[in-house]
Amino acid sequence: MKIALVSARVRNNDVPFNLAQMRKYMLQAKAQNADLICFGESFLQGFDAFSWEYEKDRAIALSVEDDLFRQLIHESAELGIDLLFGFLERDDQTLYSSCALLGNGRIIRLYRRVSVGWKESTFTDDHYREGDTVEAFDYRGKKCLIALCGDLWDVTAPRFQQNQELTFWPLYISFSEDEWYGAENERQQYADKVEELGGNVLMINSVDDPAPSESPALGGCYWFVSGTVKAELPLGSEGMLVVEV
């Protein structure tokens, strides 16, 4: 299976721009005969899109029944490439940080982040929730699992150890290049963490556009195999990393 991991620019609360990014890279990935293209956490609306005022946030969030979501399902099927992306989801009155895998004209998998780090808990109420299901699934003949960002850090590790062959890990990280590659060596800490999962782990980060004054997300995509970096689009890079698993 050929998979394109995309480190793309994302703008908070600019869905048209983010959709244009998705469509641009979908065409590039299809041209490279990729079966699947993956984007980062909350990519559709931007990681910091929510204001933590419920009525405003409910209008920003997207239901899987909305026309825009149906349109993405259609575009994925029409182009002939599966699509995985993070988005801020609305399910009736409840809001989640979620990830969807689309293919063959349908939702193959909908996953809701189970760790709390996506929200400002001081300002949120019970409308903002985490998922409660971590479940492996079959995708193109491989046993797969989805995790979002802090799920692999904040949640008991065995929950994510289901003998899967492939783990998709969209996230939002804002380390500096010195923190990632330097003395703190956050890159190695992330590699060590996913070693516990075994198999292939695909990590996808986005690029803030515009970059905030402090701690911007600098992109980067990684293919880990049993805790070793098999291939990477380095932190600080924008573009696409194509891997075969």
Protein backbone atom coordinates (compact mmCIF):
# COMPACT_ATOMS: atom_id res chain seq x y z
CA MET A 1 0.00 0.00 0.00
CA LYS A 2 1.37 3.40 -1.00
CA ILE A 3 0.55 6.18 1.47
CA ALA A 4 1.17 9.93 1.15
CA LEU A 5 1.80 11.78 4.43
CA VAL A 6 1.26 15.52 4.06
CA SER A 7 2.89 18.33 6.00
CA ALA A 8 0.67 21.12 4.69
CA ARG A 9 -0.05 24.69 5.68
CA VAL A 10 -3.26 25.07 7.66
CA ARG A 11 -5.17 28.18 8.72
CA ASN A 12 -7.45 28.38 11.74
CA ASN A 13 -11.08 28.95 10.76
CA ASP A 14 -10.30 29.11 7.04
CA VAL A 15 -11.96 25.96 5.75
CA PRO A 16 -11.82 27.06 2.07
CA PHE A 17 -8.03 27.46 2.30
CA ASN A 18 -7.59 24.15 4.10
CA LEU A 19 -9.83 22.37 1.59
CA ALA A 20 -7.77 23.83 -1.25
CA GLN A 21 -4.65 22.44 0.42
CA MET A 22 -6.25 19.02 0.70
CA ARG A 23 -7.33 19.02 -2.93
CA LYS A 24 -3.93 20.19 -4.17
CA TYR A 25 -2.09 17.41 -2.38
CA MET A 26 -4.70 14.80 -3.30
CA LEU A 27 -3.92 15.47 -6.95
CA GLN A 28 -0.18 15.26 -6.30
CA ALA A 29 -0.56 12.02 -4.35
CA LYS A 30 -2.76 10.49 -7.03
CA ALA A 31 -0.12 11.39 -9.62
CA GLN A 32 2.32 9.30 -7.58
CA ASN A 33 -0.16 6.39 -7.51
CA ALA A 34 -0.81 6.67 -3.78
CA ASP A 35 -3.69 4.63 -2.40
CA LEU A 36 -4.21 6.90 0.60
CA ILE A 37 -3.37 10.46 1.61
CA CYS A 38 -3.15 11.58 5.26
CA PHE A 39 -3.38 15.03 6.85
CA GLY A 40 -2.79 16.21 10.41
CA GLU A 41 -4.97 16.63 13.48
CA SER A 42 -7.95 19.03 13.14
CA PHE A 43 -6.69 19.90 9.67
CA LEU A 44 -10.04 20.87 8.19
CA GLN A 45 -10.72 23.77 10.58
CA GLY A 46 -7.30 24.24 12.20
CA PHE A 47 -6.12 23.02 15.61
CA ASP A 48 -6.84 26.36 17.34
CA ALA A 49 -10.14 27.06 15.57
CA PHE A 50 -12.32 26.75 18.68
CA SER A 51 -12.89 29.75 20.96
CA TRP A 52 -14.28 27.58 23.81
CA GLU A 53 -17.58 29.46 23.55
CA TYR A 54 -20.00 26.65 22.82
CA GLU A 55 -22.43 28.27 20.38
CA LYS A 56 -19.58 29.67 18.29
CA ASP A 57 -17.72 26.38 18.35
CA ARG A 58 -20.78 24.35 17.45
CA ALA A 59 -21.07 26.44 14.27
CA ILE A 60 -17.41 25.76 13.45
CA ALA A 61 -17.60 22.00 13.99
CA LEU A 62 -18.65 19.65 11.19
CA SER A 63 -21.12 16.79 11.25
CA VAL A 64 -20.50 13.73 9.11
CA GLU A 65 -24.02 14.38 7.77
CA ASP A 66 -23.14 17.87 6.50
CA ASP A 67 -22.93 18.57 2.78
CA LEU A 68 -19.23 19.43 3.01
CA PHE A 69 -18.42 16.04 4.50
CA ARG A 70 -20.46 14.28 1.83
CA GLN A 71 -18.60 16.33 -0.77
CA LEU A 72 -15.24 15.10 0.54
CA ILE A 73 -16.46 11.51 0.37
CA HIS A 74 -17.51 12.10 -3.23
CA GLU A 75 -14.26 13.80 -4.23
CA SER A 76 -12.18 11.01 -2.69
CA ALA A 77 -14.15 8.38 -4.59
CA GLU A 78 -14.14 10.32 -7.85
CA LEU A 79 -10.38 10.86 -7.76
CA GLY A 80 -9.75 7.30 -6.67
CA ILE A 81 -7.66 8.00 -3.59
CA ASP A 82 -8.61 7.35 0.03
CA LEU A 83 -8.45 10.27 2.44
CA LEU A 84 -7.58 10.49 6.15
CA PHE A 85 -7.81 13.82 8.00
CA GLY A 86 -8.45 15.33 11.40
CA PHE A 87 -11.43 17.60 12.00
CA LEU A 88 -13.51 19.17 14.76
CA GLU A 89 -16.69 17.13 14.84
CA ARG A 90 -20.24 17.97 15.85
CA ASP A 91 -22.53 15.09 16.80
CA ASP A 92 -25.89 16.61 17.79
CA GLN A 93 -24.94 18.78 20.81
CA THR A 94 -21.52 17.24 21.43
CA LEU A 95 -18.13 18.33 20.07
CA TYR A 96 -15.10 16.09 19.52
CA SER A 97 -11.62 16.13 18.03
CA SER A 98 -11.99 13.39 15.44
CA CYS A 99 -10.31 11.69 12.51
CA ALA A 100 -12.04 10.26 9.45
CA LEU A 101 -10.82 7.71 6.94
CA LEU A 102 -12.79 7.93 3.69
CA GLY A 103 -12.71 5.53 0.77
CA ASN A 104 -14.91 3.78 -1.77
CA GLY A 105 -17.59 6.42 -1.39
CA ARG A 106 -18.07 5.91 2.36
CA ILE A 107 -16.65 6.50 5.83
CA ILE A 108 -14.34 3.56 6.47
CA ARG A 109 -13.48 4.68 10.00
CA LEU A 110 -14.46 7.52 12.33
CA TYR A 111 -12.24 7.89 15.39
CA ARG A 112 -12.63 10.32 18.30
CA ARG A 113 -9.64 11.40 20.35
CA VAL A 114 -9.69 9.80 23.81
CA SER A 115 -7.17 12.10 25.55
CA VAL A 116 -8.12 15.54 26.87
CA GLY A 117 -5.21 17.65 25.58
CA TRP A 118 -7.11 18.99 22.56
CA LYS A 119 -9.31 21.31 24.63
CA GLU A 120 -9.03 24.06 27.25
CA SER A 121 -10.66 22.14 30.11
CA THR A 122 -10.83 25.24 32.33
CA PHE A 123 -13.32 26.85 29.94
CA THR A 124 -15.23 23.88 28.56
CA ASP A 125 -18.30 21.99 29.76
CA ASP A 126 -19.83 18.61 28.97
CA HIS A 127 -20.50 19.62 25.36
CA TYR A 128 -16.79 19.00 24.70
CA ARG A 129 -16.05 15.32 25.05
CA GLU A 130 -13.55 12.60 24.30
CA GLY A 131 -14.29 9.34 22.58
CA ASP A 132 -14.30 6.06 24.47
CA THR A 133 -13.42 3.51 21.79
CA VAL A 134 -9.99 2.40 20.61
CA GLU A 135 -10.50 -0.43 18.18
CA ALA A 136 -8.36 -1.98 15.47
CA PHE A 137 -9.92 -2.39 12.02
CA ASP A 138 -9.07 -4.00 8.70
CA TYR A 139 -7.99 -1.66 5.94
CA ARG A 140 -6.65 -2.87 2.60
CA GLY A 141 -5.71 -6.20 4.15
CA LYS A 142 -3.87 -4.74 7.14
CA LYS A 143 -4.87 -4.56 10.78
CA CYS A 144 -4.88 -0.82 11.52
CA LEU A 145 -5.50 1.60 14.36
CA ILE A 146 -5.91 5.39 14.61
CA ALA A 147 -4.59 7.56 17.47
CA LEU A 148 -4.68 11.35 17.77
CA CYS A 149 -1.76 13.26 19.27
CA GLY A 150 -1.72 12.87 23.06
CA ASP A 151 -3.62 9.58 22.94
CA LEU A 152 -0.31 7.73 22.87
CA TRP A 153 1.07 9.77 25.78
CA ASP A 154 -1.88 10.28 28.12
CA VAL A 155 -3.67 6.94 27.84
CA THR A 156 -2.54 3.60 29.18
CA ALA A 157 -0.37 2.15 26.43
CA PRO A 158 -1.92 -1.37 26.30
CA ARG A 159 -5.14 0.16 25.01
CA PHE A 160 -3.29 0.98 21.81
CA GLN A 161 -1.36 -2.29 21.62
CA GLN A 162 -3.69 -4.52 19.63
CA ASN A 163 -1.09 -6.26 17.47
CA GLN A 164 -1.86 -3.85 14.67
CA GLU A 165 0.38 -3.72 11.62
CA LEU A 166 -0.20 -0.03 10.98
CA THR A 167 -0.99 2.92 13.27
CA PHE A 168 -2.08 6.27 11.85
CA TRP A 169 -1.03 9.12 14.16
CA PRO A 170 -2.15 12.61 13.06
CA LEU A 171 -1.08 15.19 15.61
CA TYR A 172 -0.30 18.81 16.31
CA ILE A 173 3.12 19.50 17.81
CA SER A 174 4.85 22.85 18.09
CA PHE A 175 8.42 21.99 19.04
CA SER A 176 11.23 24.17 17.79
CA GLU A 177 13.86 22.51 15.61
CA ASP A 178 16.31 22.79 18.54
CA GLU A 179 13.89 20.95 20.83
CA TRP A 180 13.16 18.29 18.22
CA TYR A 181 16.71 17.58 17.08
CA GLY A 182 18.88 19.12 19.80
CA ALA A 183 19.75 18.31 23.38
CA GLU A 184 16.14 17.59 24.38
CA ASN A 185 15.88 15.20 21.43
CA GLU A 186 12.08 15.13 21.34
CA ARG A 187 12.35 13.22 18.05
CA GLN A 188 13.93 10.29 19.86
CA GLN A 189 11.34 10.45 22.64
CA TYR A 190 8.57 10.12 20.07
CA ALA A 191 10.39 7.24 18.42
CA ASP A 192 10.81 5.51 21.78
CA LYS A 193 7.13 5.97 22.57
CA VAL A 194 5.85 4.34 19.39
CA GLU A 195 8.31 1.45 19.76
CA GLU A 196 5.83 0.04 22.29
CA LEU A 197 3.23 -0.28 19.52
CA GLY A 198 5.37 -2.32 17.15
CA GLY A 199 4.71 -2.40 13.42
CA ASN A 200 4.45 0.72 11.28
CA VAL A 201 3.50 4.08 12.78
CA LEU A 202 2.77 7.03 10.49
CA MET A 203 3.00 10.44 12.18
CA ILE A 204 1.55 13.49 10.40
CA ASN A 205 2.00 17.10 11.57
CA SER A 206 0.88 20.36 9.92
CA VAL A 207 2.40 23.81 9.35
CA ASP A 208 0.76 26.85 10.97
CA ASP A 209 -0.10 29.58 8.46
CA PRO A 210 0.46 32.22 9.61
CA ALA A 211 2.82 31.13 12.34
CA PRO A 212 1.91 32.38 15.82
CA SER A 213 4.51 34.47 17.60
CA GLU A 214 5.29 31.59 19.94
CA SER A 215 5.47 27.83 19.40
CA PRO A 216 4.26 27.42 15.82
CA ALA A 217 3.66 24.00 14.34
CA LEU A 218 6.52 23.39 11.90
CA GLY A 219 5.18 20.35 10.08
CA GLY A 220 7.12 17.15 9.51
CA CYS A 221 6.01 13.58 8.77
CA TYR A 222 7.57 10.37 10.06
CA TRP A 223 7.42 6.67 9.25
CA PHE A 224 8.47 4.70 12.32
CA VAL A 225 9.05 0.96 12.22
CA SER A 226 9.40 -0.62 15.67
CA GLY A 227 10.64 2.70 17.04
CA THR A 228 13.17 3.38 14.27
CA VAL A 229 12.76 6.24 11.79
CA LYS A 230 12.38 4.50 8.45
CA ALA A 231 11.71 7.70 6.48
CA GLU A 232 10.98 11.33 7.31
CA LEU A 233 10.00 14.71 6.01
CA PRO A 234 11.94 16.65 8.63
CA LEU A 235 10.39 19.05 11.10
CA GLY A 236 10.50 22.48 9.51
CA SER A 237 9.48 21.07 6.13
CA GLU A 238 6.37 21.51 4.05
CA GLY A 239 5.42 18.90 1.49
CA MET A 240 4.62 15.24 1.09
CA LEU A 241 6.32 12.02 2.16
CA VAL A 242 5.25 8.90 0.23
CA VAL A 243 5.85 5.53 1.88
CA GLU A 244 4.99 1.91 1.02
CA VAL A 245 3.86 -0.41 3.80
